[in-house]
Amino acid sequence: MPAMNGLDAIIPIKKLSPGSNIIMLTSYDLDENIRSAMKRGASGYLLKSASPDEIVRAIESVQQGGMPLDPAITKKMMAAYVGWEGPENVYDLSAREKDVLKLVTQG
């Protein structure tokens, strides 16, 4: 995007149209980008490797109140959550944050 990046666009879009759902479609799977997008109001986060069918399903999911995440992102979040890789709770999540993450992964 010429004027700003996708992360920076979330807040002005949500301010202009609070009811809009934003699904990030990006090549970046960095934890800080994912966290920033969600904190700014993104409704989902997909990697550009997503197929057209996955993108359509994500749009449908958001319309039904879901929060679609790329499978690689979900795997990374669950690894941090349950300690599949590295130290358990590497992000120092609160009990409530863990509950929310678990519900997100369940759709």
PDB file of N, CA and C in Angstrom:
ATOM      1  N   MET A   1       0.855  -1.172   0.000  1.00  0.00           N
ATOM      2  CA  MET A   1       0.000   0.000   0.000  1.00  0.00           C
ATOM      3  C   MET A   1       0.901   1.235   0.000  1.00  0.00           C
ATOM      4  N   PRO A   2       0.609   2.180  -0.854  1.00  0.00           N
ATOM      5  CA  PRO A   2       1.514   3.314  -1.001  1.00  0.00           C
ATOM      6  C   PRO A   2       1.534   4.286   0.179  1.00  0.00           C
ATOM      7  N   ALA A   3       0.404   4.564   0.804  1.00  0.00           N
ATOM      8  CA  ALA A   3       0.358   5.595   1.845  1.00  0.00           C
ATOM      9  C   ALA A   3       0.696   5.078   3.238  1.00  0.00           C
ATOM     10  N   MET A   4       0.341   3.842   3.527  1.00  0.00           N
ATOM     11  CA  MET A   4       0.596   3.258   4.848  1.00  0.00           C
ATOM     12  C   MET A   4       0.527   1.745   4.729  1.00  0.00           C
ATOM     13  N   ASN A   5       1.053   1.055   5.747  1.00  0.00           N
ATOM     14  CA  ASN A   5       0.981  -0.400   5.700  1.00  0.00           C
ATOM     15  C   ASN A   5      -0.370  -0.871   6.253  1.00  0.00           C
ATOM     16  N   GLY A   6      -0.631  -2.147   6.090  1.00  0.00           N
ATOM     17  CA  GLY A   6      -1.913  -2.696   6.507  1.00  0.00           C
ATOM     18  C   GLY A   6      -2.193  -2.533   7.985  1.00  0.00           C
ATOM     19  N   LEU A   7      -1.182  -2.716   8.819  1.00  0.00           N
ATOM     20  CA  LEU A   7      -1.378  -2.545  10.258  1.00  0.00           C
ATOM     21  C   LEU A   7      -1.802  -1.124  10.584  1.00  0.00           C
ATOM     22  N   ASP A   8      -1.151  -0.159   9.953  1.00  0.00           N
ATOM     23  CA  ASP A   8      -1.475   1.240  10.213  1.00  0.00           C
ATOM     24  C   ASP A   8      -2.847   1.624   9.672  1.00  0.00           C
ATOM     25  N   ALA A   9      -3.356   0.883   8.713  1.00  0.00           N
ATOM     26  CA  ALA A   9      -4.658   1.192   8.121  1.00  0.00           C
ATOM     27  C   ALA A   9      -5.823   0.714   8.982  1.00  0.00           C
ATOM     28  N   ILE A  10      -5.593  -0.227   9.875  1.00  0.00           N
ATOM     29  CA  ILE A  10      -6.702  -0.808  10.648  1.00  0.00           C
ATOM     30  C   ILE A  10      -7.445   0.246  11.460  1.00  0.00           C
ATOM     31  N   ILE A  11      -6.740   1.033  12.238  1.00  0.00           N
ATOM     32  CA  ILE A  11      -7.396   1.994  13.133  1.00  0.00           C
ATOM     33  C   ILE A  11      -8.211   3.028  12.364  1.00  0.00           C
ATOM     34  N   PRO A  12      -7.657   3.665  11.312  1.00  0.00           N
ATOM     35  CA  PRO A  12      -8.484   4.628  10.577  1.00  0.00           C
ATOM     36  C   PRO A  12      -9.711   3.984   9.912  1.00  0.00           C
ATOM     37  N   ILE A  13      -9.560   2.765   9.418  1.00  0.00           N
ATOM     38  CA  ILE A  13     -10.708   2.084   8.813  1.00  0.00           C
ATOM     39  C   ILE A  13     -11.770   1.819   9.865  1.00  0.00           C
ATOM     40  N   LYS A  14     -11.363   1.323  11.024  1.00  0.00           N
ATOM     41  CA  LYS A  14     -12.324   1.031  12.091  1.00  0.00           C
ATOM     42  C   LYS A  14     -12.963   2.314  12.618  1.00  0.00           C
ATOM     43  N   LYS A  15     -12.215   3.405  12.623  1.00  0.00           N
ATOM     44  CA  LYS A  15     -12.758   4.685  13.070  1.00  0.00           C
ATOM     45  C   LYS A  15     -13.810   5.187  12.071  1.00  0.00           C
ATOM     46  N   LEU A  16     -13.508   5.056  10.798  1.00  0.00           N
ATOM     47  CA  LEU A  16     -14.411   5.496   9.744  1.00  0.00           C
ATOM     48  C   LEU A  16     -15.639   4.598   9.639  1.00  0.00           C
ATOM     49  N   SER A  17     -15.436   3.297   9.851  1.00  0.00           N
ATOM     50  CA  SER A  17     -16.518   2.324   9.708  1.00  0.00           C
ATOM     51  C   SER A  17     -16.391   1.255  10.799  1.00  0.00           C
ATOM     52  N   PRO A  18     -16.849   1.575  12.007  1.00  0.00           N
ATOM     53  CA  PRO A  18     -16.664   0.667  13.151  1.00  0.00           C
ATOM     54  C   PRO A  18     -17.220  -0.738  12.946  1.00  0.00           C
ATOM     55  N   GLY A  19     -18.233  -0.872  12.123  1.00  0.00           N
ATOM     56  CA  GLY A  19     -18.832  -2.188  11.908  1.00  0.00           C
ATOM     57  C   GLY A  19     -18.108  -3.043  10.890  1.00  0.00           C
ATOM     58  N   SER A  20     -17.091  -2.480  10.262  1.00  0.00           N
ATOM     59  CA  SER A  20     -16.352  -3.236   9.247  1.00  0.00           C
ATOM     60  C   SER A  20     -15.486  -4.310   9.890  1.00  0.00           C
ATOM     61  N   ASN A  21     -15.419  -5.435   9.222  1.00  0.00           N
ATOM     62  CA  ASN A  21     -14.526  -6.507   9.636  1.00  0.00           C
ATOM     63  C   ASN A  21     -13.302  -6.479   8.730  1.00  0.00           C
ATOM     64  N   ILE A  22     -12.144  -6.598   9.327  1.00  0.00           N
ATOM     65  CA  ILE A  22     -10.896  -6.546   8.575  1.00  0.00           C
ATOM     66  C   ILE A  22     -10.168  -7.863   8.749  1.00  0.00           C
ATOM     67  N   ILE A  23      -9.867  -8.494   7.633  1.00  0.00           N
ATOM     68  CA  ILE A  23      -9.050  -9.704   7.659  1.00  0.00           C
ATOM     69  C   ILE A  23      -7.701  -9.327   7.066  1.00  0.00           C
ATOM     70  N   MET A  24      -6.665  -9.467   7.845  1.00  0.00           N
ATOM     71  CA  MET A  24      -5.318  -9.182   7.358  1.00  0.00           C
ATOM     72  C   MET A  24      -4.908 -10.304   6.415  1.00  0.00           C
ATOM     73  N   LEU A  25      -4.403  -9.949   5.242  1.00  0.00           N
ATOM     74  CA  LEU A  25      -3.856 -10.905   4.293  1.00  0.00           C
ATOM     75  C   LEU A  25      -2.426 -10.455   4.042  1.00  0.00           C
ATOM     76  N   THR A  26      -1.490 -11.178   4.608  1.00  0.00           N
ATOM     77  CA  THR A  26      -0.113 -10.706   4.657  1.00  0.00           C
ATOM     78  C   THR A  26       0.876 -11.853   4.501  1.00  0.00           C
ATOM     79  N   SER A  27       2.100 -11.502   4.254  1.00  0.00           N
ATOM     80  CA  SER A  27       3.152 -12.514   4.199  1.00  0.00           C
ATOM     81  C   SER A  27       3.909 -12.588   5.522  1.00  0.00           C
ATOM     82  N   TYR A  28       3.550 -11.744   6.478  1.00  0.00           N
ATOM     83  CA  TYR A  28       4.264 -11.674   7.749  1.00  0.00           C
ATOM     84  C   TYR A  28       3.576 -12.502   8.831  1.00  0.00           C
ATOM     85  N   ASP A  29       4.307 -13.462   9.369  1.00  0.00           N
ATOM     86  CA  ASP A  29       3.753 -14.259  10.462  1.00  0.00           C
ATOM     87  C   ASP A  29       4.456 -13.956  11.781  1.00  0.00           C
ATOM     88  N   LEU A  30       4.988 -12.760  11.887  1.00  0.00           N
ATOM     89  CA  LEU A  30       5.682 -12.351  13.109  1.00  0.00           C
ATOM     90  C   LEU A  30       4.681 -12.159  14.245  1.00  0.00           C
ATOM     91  N   ASP A  31       5.036 -12.671  15.419  1.00  0.00           N
ATOM     92  CA  ASP A  31       4.143 -12.573  16.571  1.00  0.00           C
ATOM     93  C   ASP A  31       3.709 -11.134  16.826  1.00  0.00           C
ATOM     94  N   GLU A  32       4.654 -10.198  16.729  1.00  0.00           N
ATOM     95  CA  GLU A  32       4.327  -8.804  17.026  1.00  0.00           C
ATOM     96  C   GLU A  32       3.314  -8.240  16.020  1.00  0.00           C
ATOM     97  N   ASN A  33       3.387  -8.649  14.761  1.00  0.00           N
ATOM     98  CA  ASN A  33       2.426  -8.178  13.763  1.00  0.00           C
ATOM     99  C   ASN A  33       1.038  -8.760  14.024  1.00  0.00           C
ATOM    100  N   ILE A  34       1.002 -10.035  14.356  1.00  0.00           N
ATOM    101  CA  ILE A  34      -0.279 -10.692  14.639  1.00  0.00           C
ATOM    102  C   ILE A  34      -0.936 -10.029  15.841  1.00  0.00           C
ATOM    103  N   ARG A  35      -0.174  -9.876  16.903  1.00  0.00           N
ATOM    104  CA  ARG A  35      -0.687  -9.259  18.131  1.00  0.00           C
ATOM    105  C   ARG A  35      -1.159  -7.832  17.854  1.00  0.00           C
ATOM    106  N   SER A  36      -0.369  -7.076  17.120  1.00  0.00           N
ATOM    107  CA  SER A  36      -0.715  -5.690  16.809  1.00  0.00           C
ATOM    108  C   SER A  36      -1.992  -5.611  15.987  1.00  0.00           C
ATOM    109  N   ALA A  37      -2.118  -6.479  14.989  1.00  0.00           N
ATOM    110  CA  ALA A  37      -3.321  -6.480  14.147  1.00  0.00           C
ATOM    111  C   ALA A  37      -4.565  -6.766  14.982  1.00  0.00           C
ATOM    112  N   MET A  38      -4.481  -7.746  15.853  1.00  0.00           N
ATOM    113  CA  MET A  38      -5.639  -8.111  16.667  1.00  0.00           C
ATOM    114  C   MET A  38      -5.976  -7.014  17.679  1.00  0.00           C
ATOM    115  N   LYS A  39      -4.958  -6.416  18.272  1.00  0.00           N
ATOM    116  CA  LYS A  39      -5.205  -5.337  19.231  1.00  0.00           C
ATOM    117  C   LYS A  39      -5.832  -4.125  18.557  1.00  0.00           C
ATOM    118  N   ARG A  40      -5.482  -3.898  17.291  1.00  0.00           N
ATOM    119  CA  ARG A  40      -6.023  -2.746  16.557  1.00  0.00           C
ATOM    120  C   ARG A  40      -7.419  -2.997  16.009  1.00  0.00           C
ATOM    121  N   GLY A  41      -7.873  -4.232  16.059  1.00  0.00           N
ATOM    122  CA  GLY A  41      -9.246  -4.511  15.659  1.00  0.00           C
ATOM    123  C   GLY A  41      -9.434  -5.412  14.459  1.00  0.00           C
ATOM    124  N   ALA A  42      -8.378  -6.075  14.007  1.00  0.00           N
ATOM    125  CA  ALA A  42      -8.539  -7.015  12.897  1.00  0.00           C
ATOM    126  C   ALA A  42      -9.440  -8.169  13.331  1.00  0.00           C
ATOM    127  N   SER A  43     -10.227  -8.650  12.407  1.00  0.00           N
ATOM    128  CA  SER A  43     -11.147  -9.751  12.694  1.00  0.00           C
ATOM    129  C   SER A  43     -10.571 -11.107  12.324  1.00  0.00           C
ATOM    130  N   GLY A  44      -9.452 -11.107  11.618  1.00  0.00           N
ATOM    131  CA  GLY A  44      -8.816 -12.346  11.210  1.00  0.00           C
ATOM    132  C   GLY A  44      -7.426 -12.060  10.674  1.00  0.00           C
ATOM    133  N   TYR A  45      -6.652 -13.120  10.480  1.00  0.00           N
ATOM    134  CA  TYR A  45      -5.264 -12.965  10.046  1.00  0.00           C
ATOM    135  C   TYR A  45      -4.896 -14.161   9.187  1.00  0.00           C
ATOM    136  N   LEU A  46      -4.709 -13.911   7.897  1.00  0.00           N
ATOM    137  CA  LEU A  46      -4.337 -14.970   6.960  1.00  0.00           C
ATOM    138  C   LEU A  46      -3.004 -14.643   6.314  1.00  0.00           C
ATOM    139  N   LEU A  47      -2.280 -15.686   5.973  1.00  0.00           N
ATOM    140  CA  LEU A  47      -1.045 -15.505   5.220  1.00  0.00           C
ATOM    141  C   LEU A  47      -1.363 -15.542   3.738  1.00  0.00           C
ATOM    142  N   LYS A  48      -0.525 -14.906   2.935  1.00  0.00           N
ATOM    143  CA  LYS A  48      -0.761 -14.839   1.491  1.00  0.00           C
ATOM    144  C   LYS A  48      -0.690 -16.204   0.821  1.00  0.00           C
ATOM    145  N   SER A  49      -0.223 -17.195   1.537  1.00  0.00           N
ATOM    146  CA  SER A  49      -0.217 -18.549   0.996  1.00  0.00           C
ATOM    147  C   SER A  49      -1.605 -19.191   1.043  1.00  0.00           C
ATOM    148  N   ALA A  50      -2.581 -18.505   1.639  1.00  0.00           N
ATOM    149  CA  ALA A  50      -3.952 -19.031   1.720  1.00  0.00           C
ATOM    150  C   ALA A  50      -4.530 -19.187   0.322  1.00  0.00           C
ATOM    151  N   SER A  51      -5.259 -20.259   0.142  1.00  0.00           N
ATOM    152  CA  SER A  51      -5.910 -20.507  -1.150  1.00  0.00           C
ATOM    153  C   SER A  51      -7.146 -19.611  -1.271  1.00  0.00           C
ATOM    154  N   PRO A  52      -7.633 -19.425  -2.491  1.00  0.00           N
ATOM    155  CA  PRO A  52      -8.875 -18.657  -2.661  1.00  0.00           C
ATOM    156  C   PRO A  52     -10.032 -19.231  -1.831  1.00  0.00           C
ATOM    157  N   ASP A  53     -10.124 -20.556  -1.751  1.00  0.00           N
ATOM    158  CA  ASP A  53     -11.178 -21.171  -0.941  1.00  0.00           C
ATOM    159  C   ASP A  53     -11.023 -20.828   0.539  1.00  0.00           C
ATOM    160  N   GLU A  54      -9.792 -20.816   1.033  1.00  0.00           N
ATOM    161  CA  GLU A  54      -9.546 -20.456   2.435  1.00  0.00           C
ATOM    162  C   GLU A  54      -9.932 -19.003   2.697  1.00  0.00           C
ATOM    163  N   ILE A  55      -9.660 -18.140   1.746  1.00  0.00           N
ATOM    164  CA  ILE A  55     -10.024 -16.734   1.899  1.00  0.00           C
ATOM    165  C   ILE A  55     -11.543 -16.574   1.938  1.00  0.00           C
ATOM    166  N   VAL A  56     -12.228 -17.278   1.057  1.00  0.00           N
ATOM    167  CA  VAL A  56     -13.699 -17.228   1.042  1.00  0.00           C
ATOM    168  C   VAL A  56     -14.250 -17.746   2.371  1.00  0.00           C
ATOM    169  N   ARG A  57     -13.717 -18.864   2.859  1.00  0.00           N
ATOM    170  CA  ARG A  57     -14.171 -19.415   4.154  1.00  0.00           C
ATOM    171  C   ARG A  57     -13.903 -18.428   5.291  1.00  0.00           C
ATOM    172  N   ALA A  58     -12.782 -17.729   5.234  1.00  0.00           N
ATOM    173  CA  ALA A  58     -12.465 -16.742   6.266  1.00  0.00           C
ATOM    174  C   ALA A  58     -13.477 -15.597   6.249  1.00  0.00           C
ATOM    175  N   ILE A  59     -13.827 -15.139   5.065  1.00  0.00           N
ATOM    176  CA  ILE A  59     -14.827 -14.066   4.948  1.00  0.00           C
ATOM    177  C   ILE A  59     -16.166 -14.531   5.502  1.00  0.00           C
ATOM    178  N   GLU A  60     -16.561 -15.744   5.155  1.00  0.00           N
ATOM    179  CA  GLU A  60     -17.824 -16.297   5.670  1.00  0.00           C
ATOM    180  C   GLU A  60     -17.770 -16.443   7.184  1.00  0.00           C
ATOM    181  N   SER A  61     -16.631 -16.867   7.699  1.00  0.00           N
ATOM    182  CA  SER A  61     -16.472 -17.035   9.141  1.00  0.00           C
ATOM    183  C   SER A  61     -16.618 -15.697   9.866  1.00  0.00           C
ATOM    184  N   VAL A  62     -15.981 -14.666   9.333  1.00  0.00           N
ATOM    185  CA  VAL A  62     -16.064 -13.338   9.950  1.00  0.00           C
ATOM    186  C   VAL A  62     -17.507 -12.840   9.939  1.00  0.00           C
ATOM    187  N   GLN A  63     -18.220 -13.079   8.855  1.00  0.00           N
ATOM    188  CA  GLN A  63     -19.619 -12.651   8.765  1.00  0.00           C
ATOM    189  C   GLN A  63     -20.489 -13.346   9.809  1.00  0.00           C
ATOM    190  N   GLN A  64     -20.061 -14.524  10.254  1.00  0.00           N
ATOM    191  CA  GLN A  64     -20.806 -15.269  11.266  1.00  0.00           C
ATOM    192  C   GLN A  64     -20.254 -15.045  12.669  1.00  0.00           C
ATOM    193  N   GLY A  65     -19.340 -14.083  12.805  1.00  0.00           N
ATOM    194  CA  GLY A  65     -18.802 -13.748  14.123  1.00  0.00           C
ATOM    195  C   GLY A  65     -17.513 -14.456  14.480  1.00  0.00           C
ATOM    196  N   GLY A  66     -16.952 -15.237  13.556  1.00  0.00           N
ATOM    197  CA  GLY A  66     -15.707 -15.939  13.829  1.00  0.00           C
ATOM    198  C   GLY A  66     -14.488 -15.036  13.707  1.00  0.00           C
ATOM    199  N   MET A  67     -13.351 -15.585  14.047  1.00  0.00           N
ATOM    200  CA  MET A  67     -12.076 -14.890  13.932  1.00  0.00           C
ATOM    201  C   MET A  67     -11.089 -15.844  13.267  1.00  0.00           C
ATOM    202  N   PRO A  68     -11.132 -15.907  11.939  1.00  0.00           N
ATOM    203  CA  PRO A  68     -10.283 -16.870  11.232  1.00  0.00           C
ATOM    204  C   PRO A  68      -8.798 -16.529  11.328  1.00  0.00           C
ATOM    205  N   LEU A  69      -8.031 -17.557  11.554  1.00  0.00           N
ATOM    206  CA  LEU A  69      -6.578 -17.427  11.601  1.00  0.00           C
ATOM    207  C   LEU A  69      -5.978 -18.452  10.655  1.00  0.00           C
ATOM    208  N   ASP A  70      -4.898 -18.072  10.002  1.00  0.00           N
ATOM    209  CA  ASP A  70      -4.180 -19.005   9.154  1.00  0.00           C
ATOM    210  C   ASP A  70      -3.770 -20.205   9.998  1.00  0.00           C
ATOM    211  N   PRO A  71      -3.854 -21.419   9.462  1.00  0.00           N
ATOM    212  CA  PRO A  71      -3.468 -22.594  10.245  1.00  0.00           C
ATOM    213  C   PRO A  71      -2.061 -22.502  10.836  1.00  0.00           C
ATOM    214  N   ALA A  72      -1.131 -21.896  10.126  1.00  0.00           N
ATOM    215  CA  ALA A  72       0.225 -21.747  10.658  1.00  0.00           C
ATOM    216  C   ALA A  72       0.235 -20.826  11.870  1.00  0.00           C
ATOM    217  N   ILE A  73      -0.613 -19.800  11.845  1.00  0.00           N
ATOM    218  CA  ILE A  73      -0.716 -18.870  12.974  1.00  0.00           C
ATOM    219  C   ILE A  73      -1.351 -19.576  14.168  1.00  0.00           C
ATOM    220  N   THR A  74      -2.427 -20.329  13.900  1.00  0.00           N
ATOM    221  CA  THR A  74      -3.087 -21.072  14.976  1.00  0.00           C
ATOM    222  C   THR A  74      -2.111 -22.047  15.625  1.00  0.00           C
ATOM    223  N   LYS A  75      -1.336 -22.745  14.800  1.00  0.00           N
ATOM    224  CA  LYS A  75      -0.361 -23.694  15.330  1.00  0.00           C
ATOM    225  C   LYS A  75       0.670 -22.984  16.199  1.00  0.00           C
ATOM    226  N   LYS A  76       1.140 -21.850  15.731  1.00  0.00           N
ATOM    227  CA  LYS A  76       2.131 -21.081  16.493  1.00  0.00           C
ATOM    228  C   LYS A  76       1.544 -20.603  17.829  1.00  0.00           C
ATOM    229  N   MET A  77       0.298 -20.124  17.787  1.00  0.00           N
ATOM    230  CA  MET A  77      -0.343 -19.634  19.010  1.00  0.00           C
ATOM    231  C   MET A  77      -0.586 -20.780  19.992  1.00  0.00           C
ATOM    232  N   MET A  78      -1.016 -21.912  19.472  1.00  0.00           N
ATOM    233  CA  MET A  78      -1.256 -23.052  20.351  1.00  0.00           C
ATOM    234  C   MET A  78       0.053 -23.584  20.936  1.00  0.00           C
ATOM    235  N   ALA A  79       1.111 -23.549  20.140  1.00  0.00           N
ATOM    236  CA  ALA A  79       2.411 -23.987  20.644  1.00  0.00           C
ATOM    237  C   ALA A  79       2.827 -23.129  21.837  1.00  0.00           C
ATOM    238  N   ALA A  80       2.605 -21.839  21.723  1.00  0.00           N
ATOM    239  CA  ALA A  80       2.941 -20.940  22.825  1.00  0.00           C
ATOM    240  C   ALA A  80       2.002 -21.158  24.014  1.00  0.00           C
ATOM    241  N   TYR A  81       0.747 -21.411  23.705  1.00  0.00           N
ATOM    242  CA  TYR A  81      -0.264 -21.571  24.745  1.00  0.00           C
ATOM    243  C   TYR A  81      -0.060 -22.834  25.570  1.00  0.00           C
ATOM    244  N   VAL A  82       0.146 -23.955  24.902  1.00  0.00           N
ATOM    245  CA  VAL A  82       0.244 -25.215  25.644  1.00  0.00           C
ATOM    246  C   VAL A  82       1.669 -25.709  25.799  1.00  0.00           C
ATOM    247  N   GLY A  83       2.612 -24.978  25.269  1.00  0.00           N
ATOM    248  CA  GLY A  83       4.008 -25.340  25.459  1.00  0.00           C
ATOM    249  C   GLY A  83       4.487 -26.469  24.572  1.00  0.00           C
ATOM    250  N   TRP A  84       3.919 -26.600  23.366  1.00  0.00           N
ATOM    251  CA  TRP A  84       4.386 -27.638  22.452  1.00  0.00           C
ATOM    252  C   TRP A  84       5.828 -27.401  22.053  1.00  0.00           C
ATOM    253  N   GLU A  85       6.224 -26.148  21.968  1.00  0.00           N
ATOM    254  CA  GLU A  85       7.588 -25.791  21.596  1.00  0.00           C
ATOM    255  C   GLU A  85       8.080 -24.769  22.607  1.00  0.00           C
ATOM    256  N   GLY A  86       9.287 -24.928  23.059  1.00  0.00           N
ATOM    257  CA  GLY A  86       9.866 -23.945  23.972  1.00  0.00           C
ATOM    258  C   GLY A  86       9.221 -23.991  25.343  1.00  0.00           C
ATOM    259  N   PRO A  87       9.546 -23.015  26.161  1.00  0.00           N
ATOM    260  CA  PRO A  87       9.013 -22.989  27.517  1.00  0.00           C
ATOM    261  C   PRO A  87       7.505 -22.721  27.519  1.00  0.00           C
ATOM    262  N   GLU A  88       6.836 -23.302  28.475  1.00  0.00           N
ATOM    263  CA  GLU A  88       5.397 -23.113  28.589  1.00  0.00           C
ATOM    264  C   GLU A  88       5.085 -21.647  28.852  1.00  0.00           C
ATOM    265  N   ASN A  89       4.022 -21.164  28.234  1.00  0.00           N
ATOM    266  CA  ASN A  89       3.545 -19.796  28.411  1.00  0.00           C
ATOM    267  C   ASN A  89       4.653 -18.777  28.145  1.00  0.00           C
ATOM    268  N   VAL A  90       5.340 -18.950  27.022  1.00  0.00           N
ATOM    269  CA  VAL A  90       6.460 -18.091  26.672  1.00  0.00           C
ATOM    270  C   VAL A  90       6.039 -16.624  26.576  1.00  0.00           C
ATOM    271  N   TYR A  91       4.737 -16.359  26.338  1.00  0.00           N
ATOM    272  CA  TYR A  91       4.262 -14.985  26.210  1.00  0.00           C
ATOM    273  C   TYR A  91       3.692 -14.444  27.524  1.00  0.00           C
ATOM    274  N   ASP A  92       3.818 -15.220  28.590  1.00  0.00           N
ATOM    275  CA  ASP A  92       3.339 -14.799  29.902  1.00  0.00           C
ATOM    276  C   ASP A  92       1.874 -14.370  29.843  1.00  0.00           C
ATOM    277  N   LEU A  93       1.045 -15.250  29.262  1.00  0.00           N
ATOM    278  CA  LEU A  93      -0.375 -14.951  29.119  1.00  0.00           C
ATOM    279  C   LEU A  93      -1.093 -15.104  30.454  1.00  0.00           C
ATOM    280  N   SER A  94      -2.062 -14.222  30.673  1.00  0.00           N
ATOM    281  CA  SER A  94      -2.897 -14.339  31.859  1.00  0.00           C
ATOM    282  C   SER A  94      -3.871 -15.495  31.650  1.00  0.00           C
ATOM    283  N   ALA A  95      -4.531 -15.898  32.724  1.00  0.00           N
ATOM    284  CA  ALA A  95      -5.508 -16.979  32.617  1.00  0.00           C
ATOM    285  C   ALA A  95      -6.623 -16.593  31.642  1.00  0.00           C
ATOM    286  N   ARG A  96      -7.063 -15.343  31.685  1.00  0.00           N
ATOM    287  CA  ARG A  96      -8.126 -14.879  30.789  1.00  0.00           C
ATOM    288  C   ARG A  96      -7.650 -14.883  29.341  1.00  0.00           C
ATOM    289  N   GLU A  97      -6.429 -14.439  29.091  1.00  0.00           N
ATOM    290  CA  GLU A  97      -5.882 -14.450  27.731  1.00  0.00           C
ATOM    291  C   GLU A  97      -5.807 -15.883  27.198  1.00  0.00           C
ATOM    292  N   LYS A  98      -5.447 -16.825  28.061  1.00  0.00           N
ATOM    293  CA  LYS A  98      -5.410 -18.229  27.654  1.00  0.00           C
ATOM    294  C   LYS A  98      -6.815 -18.727  27.297  1.00  0.00           C
ATOM    295  N   ASP A  99      -7.813 -18.341  28.110  1.00  0.00           N
ATOM    296  CA  ASP A  99      -9.197 -18.734  27.824  1.00  0.00           C
ATOM    297  C   ASP A  99      -9.648 -18.189  26.474  1.00  0.00           C
ATOM    298  N   VAL A 100      -9.355 -16.924  26.217  1.00  0.00           N
ATOM    299  CA  VAL A 100      -9.761 -16.300  24.963  1.00  0.00           C
ATOM    300  C   VAL A 100      -9.063 -16.988  23.790  1.00  0.00           C
ATOM    301  N   LEU A 101      -7.780 -17.265  23.922  1.00  0.00           N
ATOM    302  CA  LEU A 101      -7.027 -17.929  22.863  1.00  0.00           C
ATOM    303  C   LEU A 101      -7.615 -19.311  22.585  1.00  0.00           C
ATOM    304  N   LYS A 102      -7.969 -20.018  23.622  1.00  0.00           N
ATOM    305  CA  LYS A 102      -8.555 -21.346  23.440  1.00  0.00           C
ATOM    306  C   LYS A 102      -9.877 -21.233  22.682  1.00  0.00           C
ATOM    307  N   LEU A 103     -10.694 -20.254  23.019  1.00  0.00           N
ATOM    308  CA  LEU A 103     -11.968 -20.072  22.326  1.00  0.00           C
ATOM    309  C   LEU A 103     -11.755 -19.653  20.872  1.00  0.00           C
ATOM    310  N   VAL A 104     -10.744 -18.846  20.597  1.00  0.00           N
ATOM    311  CA  VAL A 104     -10.434 -18.432  19.227  1.00  0.00           C
ATOM    312  C   VAL A 104     -10.085 -19.653  18.377  1.00  0.00           C
ATOM    313  N   THR A 105      -9.285 -20.546  18.941  1.00  0.00           N
ATOM    314  CA  THR A 105      -8.879 -21.717  18.170  1.00  0.00           C
ATOM    315  C   THR A 105     -10.040 -22.673  17.930  1.00  0.00           C
ATOM    316  N   GLN A 106     -11.069 -22.567  18.761  1.00  0.00           N
ATOM    317  CA  GLN A 106     -12.255 -23.406  18.589  1.00  0.00           C
ATOM    318  C   GLN A 106     -13.264 -22.768  17.630  1.00  0.00           C
ATOM    319  N   GLY A 107     -12.952 -21.551  17.188  1.00  0.00           N
ATOM    320  CA  GLY A 107     -13.848 -20.869  16.247  1.00  0.00           C
ATOM    321  C   GLY A 107     -14.921 -20.115  16.967  1.00  0.00           C
TER     322      GLY A 107
END
